[in-house]
Amino acid sequence: MIETNSIVPICQGDILAIRGRGWLADGIVKAEYGKNPGLYSVSHVGLFLAQGDEHEIPVVIEALRKVTTNLLVESTRDAEHAYVLHDKSLADWQRSSILEIACQFSTADYGYIDLGAQYLDATFKTSWWTNRLTGYLAHRPICSYVVSAAYAAVRLDFGVDDCSCKPSDIMSFALAHPEIYQVTQIK
């Protein structure tokens, strides 16, 4: 079940899932969800680096033009919808390991070719393209790869290979596993 709350505790390693606006986000959503996407369709993901309590501003690491860190308010400014995916099963050491791996991608250039491969796979309902670019993807990350590779460091996955993992796979996995994930809509 989705909770709706503008004030939600955020832990390091939690996932930010966004339904963006604009031609790129629209293309991702249409390729993944078809012409009539549901409320929980997302086009982008990132990881929270800093806890969000009354004393600390939430910070997100995400792959945009480069892998960068942004304040939560900046990451969600142009979003149509935004969700926090909180994995209730993670131990503190796992959260630390997830962040350590994610931060290794910091300042890496965005993988536009990989995004194209993801688009082709989504359009044709395959993983053929991303499977052929596995070696290249590890050097030019896209948003979902940063999240899936970081979680893979603690032997967790979203039911698909890291290189073919899409924002929709991450959101679908969280929605399908309410015993593990608390999904909260924040925008």
Protein backbone atom coordinates (compact mmCIF):
# COMPACT_ATOMS: atom_id res chain seq x y z
CA MET A 1 0.00 0.00 0.00
CA ILE A 2 1.24 3.48 -0.87
CA GLU A 3 1.39 6.03 1.89
CA THR A 4 1.01 9.71 1.04
CA ASN A 5 2.93 12.02 3.27
CA SER A 6 4.91 15.20 2.76
CA ILE A 7 6.94 14.51 5.93
CA VAL A 8 8.55 11.10 5.88
CA PRO A 9 11.70 9.91 7.66
CA ILE A 10 14.39 9.21 5.10
CA CYS A 11 17.31 6.87 5.74
CA GLN A 12 20.64 6.64 3.97
CA GLY A 13 20.36 4.17 1.11
CA ASP A 14 16.63 4.71 0.60
CA ILE A 15 15.59 5.11 -3.02
CA LEU A 16 14.01 8.18 -4.59
CA ALA A 17 11.72 7.25 -7.49
CA ILE A 18 10.43 10.06 -9.71
CA ARG A 19 7.95 10.50 -12.52
CA GLY A 20 9.59 13.37 -14.35
CA ARG A 21 8.23 15.87 -16.84
CA GLY A 22 9.54 16.57 -20.31
CA TRP A 23 10.22 14.66 -23.48
CA LEU A 24 12.84 12.27 -22.05
CA ALA A 25 10.76 11.31 -19.02
CA ASP A 26 7.68 10.95 -21.21
CA GLY A 27 9.59 8.68 -23.60
CA ILE A 28 10.82 6.48 -20.76
CA VAL A 29 7.35 6.21 -19.25
CA LYS A 30 5.70 5.43 -22.61
CA ALA A 31 8.31 2.80 -23.44
CA GLU A 32 7.90 1.16 -20.03
CA TYR A 33 4.21 1.53 -19.32
CA GLY A 34 2.52 2.14 -22.67
CA LYS A 35 0.14 4.94 -23.59
CA ASN A 36 -1.80 4.89 -20.30
CA PRO A 37 0.74 4.80 -17.47
CA GLY A 38 -0.55 4.44 -13.94
CA LEU A 39 0.01 6.71 -10.99
CA TYR A 40 3.09 4.75 -9.88
CA SER A 41 4.94 4.92 -13.20
CA VAL A 42 8.44 6.33 -12.76
CA SER A 43 11.17 7.54 -15.09
CA HIS A 44 14.10 8.17 -12.74
CA VAL A 45 15.67 6.87 -9.52
CA GLY A 46 18.38 7.99 -7.13
CA LEU A 47 19.73 7.12 -3.67
CA PHE A 48 19.51 9.17 -0.50
CA LEU A 49 22.93 9.96 0.93
CA ALA A 50 21.80 11.90 3.97
CA GLN A 51 19.05 11.20 6.43
CA GLY A 52 16.09 13.52 6.39
CA ASP A 53 15.30 14.56 9.92
CA GLU A 54 14.70 17.99 11.39
CA HIS A 55 18.46 18.63 11.57
CA GLU A 56 19.65 17.32 8.24
CA ILE A 57 18.61 18.15 4.68
CA PRO A 58 18.02 15.07 2.47
CA VAL A 59 20.64 14.73 -0.27
CA VAL A 60 20.31 12.44 -3.30
CA ILE A 61 23.00 10.94 -5.56
CA GLU A 62 21.61 10.46 -9.06
CA ALA A 63 22.76 10.05 -12.64
CA LEU A 64 21.72 13.04 -14.70
CA ARG A 65 24.17 14.50 -17.24
CA LYS A 66 26.78 13.27 -14.77
CA VAL A 67 26.40 11.38 -11.52
CA THR A 68 25.89 14.17 -9.04
CA THR A 69 24.46 14.97 -5.64
CA ASN A 70 21.49 17.28 -5.17
CA LEU A 71 19.22 18.40 -2.40
CA LEU A 72 15.92 16.52 -2.41
CA VAL A 73 14.05 19.72 -3.24
CA GLU A 74 16.20 20.15 -6.38
CA SER A 75 15.77 16.51 -7.41
CA THR A 76 11.99 16.71 -7.17
CA ARG A 77 11.43 20.31 -8.33
CA ASP A 78 10.23 19.39 -11.83
CA ALA A 79 8.79 15.98 -10.92
CA GLU A 80 5.18 15.13 -11.55
CA HIS A 81 5.32 12.55 -8.72
CA ALA A 82 8.03 11.47 -6.29
CA TYR A 83 8.26 8.48 -3.94
CA VAL A 84 10.58 7.30 -1.20
CA LEU A 85 11.24 3.54 -1.32
CA HIS A 86 12.40 2.53 2.14
CA ASP A 87 13.84 -1.00 2.44
CA LYS A 88 12.85 -1.96 5.98
CA SER A 89 15.20 -4.95 6.01
CA LEU A 90 18.51 -3.12 5.55
CA ALA A 91 21.03 -3.09 8.38
CA ASP A 92 23.19 -0.01 8.97
CA TRP A 93 26.27 -1.76 7.53
CA GLN A 94 24.31 -2.52 4.33
CA ARG A 95 23.20 1.10 4.02
CA SER A 96 26.84 2.21 4.40
CA SER A 97 28.01 -0.26 1.75
CA ILE A 98 25.27 0.86 -0.66
CA LEU A 99 26.36 4.47 -0.29
CA GLU A 100 30.02 3.61 -0.68
CA ILE A 101 29.37 1.94 -4.04
CA ALA A 102 27.02 4.69 -5.23
CA CYS A 103 29.57 7.38 -4.40
CA GLN A 104 32.17 5.60 -6.54
CA PHE A 105 30.08 6.68 -9.55
CA SER A 106 30.27 10.34 -8.52
CA THR A 107 31.03 12.69 -11.44
CA ALA A 108 30.90 9.84 -13.99
CA ASP A 109 29.43 10.86 -17.35
CA TYR A 110 25.90 9.72 -18.08
CA GLY A 111 25.45 6.63 -20.27
CA TYR A 112 23.31 7.99 -23.13
CA ILE A 113 24.07 4.96 -25.32
CA ASP A 114 22.99 2.76 -22.43
CA LEU A 115 19.78 4.76 -22.08
CA GLY A 116 19.16 4.08 -25.77
CA ALA A 117 19.72 0.37 -25.17
CA GLN A 118 17.27 0.49 -22.24
CA TYR A 119 14.74 2.24 -24.48
CA LEU A 120 15.10 -0.43 -27.17
CA ASP A 121 14.74 -3.19 -24.58
CA ALA A 122 11.63 -1.54 -23.13
CA THR A 123 10.10 -1.03 -26.57
CA PHE A 124 10.74 -4.60 -27.69
CA LYS A 125 10.23 -6.20 -24.24
CA THR A 126 13.68 -7.78 -24.17
CA SER A 127 17.04 -7.35 -22.47
CA TRP A 128 19.02 -8.15 -25.62
CA TRP A 129 20.44 -4.61 -26.07
CA THR A 130 21.52 -4.03 -22.48
CA ASN A 131 23.01 -7.53 -22.26
CA ARG A 132 25.22 -6.71 -25.27
CA LEU A 133 26.45 -3.47 -23.67
CA THR A 134 27.21 -4.83 -20.19
CA GLY A 135 30.90 -3.90 -20.25
CA TYR A 136 30.23 -0.37 -21.45
CA LEU A 137 27.42 0.26 -18.97
CA ALA A 138 29.70 -0.23 -15.98
CA HIS A 139 31.69 2.80 -17.15
CA ARG A 140 28.82 5.09 -18.21
CA PRO A 141 26.04 4.71 -15.64
CA ILE A 142 22.38 5.55 -15.96
CA CYS A 143 20.18 6.27 -12.94
CA SER A 144 18.87 2.76 -12.39
CA TYR A 145 22.31 1.22 -12.80
CA VAL A 146 23.73 3.35 -9.98
CA VAL A 147 20.92 2.13 -7.68
CA SER A 148 20.99 -1.53 -8.75
CA ALA A 149 24.80 -1.80 -8.66
CA ALA A 150 24.87 -0.23 -5.19
CA TYR A 151 22.26 -2.67 -3.89
CA ALA A 152 24.06 -5.58 -5.58
CA ALA A 153 27.08 -4.77 -3.40
CA VAL A 154 25.08 -6.11 -0.44
CA ARG A 155 23.67 -9.01 -2.48
CA LEU A 156 20.25 -7.46 -3.08
CA ASP A 157 18.56 -7.07 -6.43
CA PHE A 158 15.30 -5.99 -7.99
CA GLY A 159 14.57 -9.24 -9.82
CA VAL A 160 16.57 -8.31 -12.94
CA ASP A 161 20.21 -8.05 -13.99
CA ASP A 162 21.95 -4.81 -12.90
CA CYS A 163 22.67 -3.73 -16.46
CA SER A 164 19.10 -4.17 -17.65
CA CYS A 165 17.47 -2.76 -14.49
CA LYS A 166 15.15 0.15 -15.22
CA PRO A 167 13.42 2.62 -12.87
CA SER A 168 10.18 0.74 -13.51
CA ASP A 169 11.80 -2.53 -12.33
CA ILE A 170 12.84 -0.92 -9.05
CA MET A 171 9.42 0.63 -8.43
CA SER A 172 7.57 -2.56 -9.43
CA PHE A 173 9.75 -4.64 -7.12
CA ALA A 174 9.10 -2.31 -4.18
CA LEU A 175 5.34 -2.29 -4.82
CA ALA A 176 5.28 -6.10 -5.11
CA HIS A 177 7.12 -6.54 -1.80
CA PRO A 178 5.32 -4.50 0.88
CA GLU A 179 6.81 -6.78 3.53
CA ILE A 180 10.22 -5.32 2.61
CA TYR A 181 9.49 -1.86 1.19
CA GLN A 182 7.56 1.04 2.59
CA VAL A 183 6.60 3.20 -0.41
CA THR A 184 5.66 6.77 0.44
CA GLN A 185 4.54 9.38 -2.07
CA ILE A 186 6.16 12.73 -1.26
CA LYS A 187 4.98 14.68 -4.29
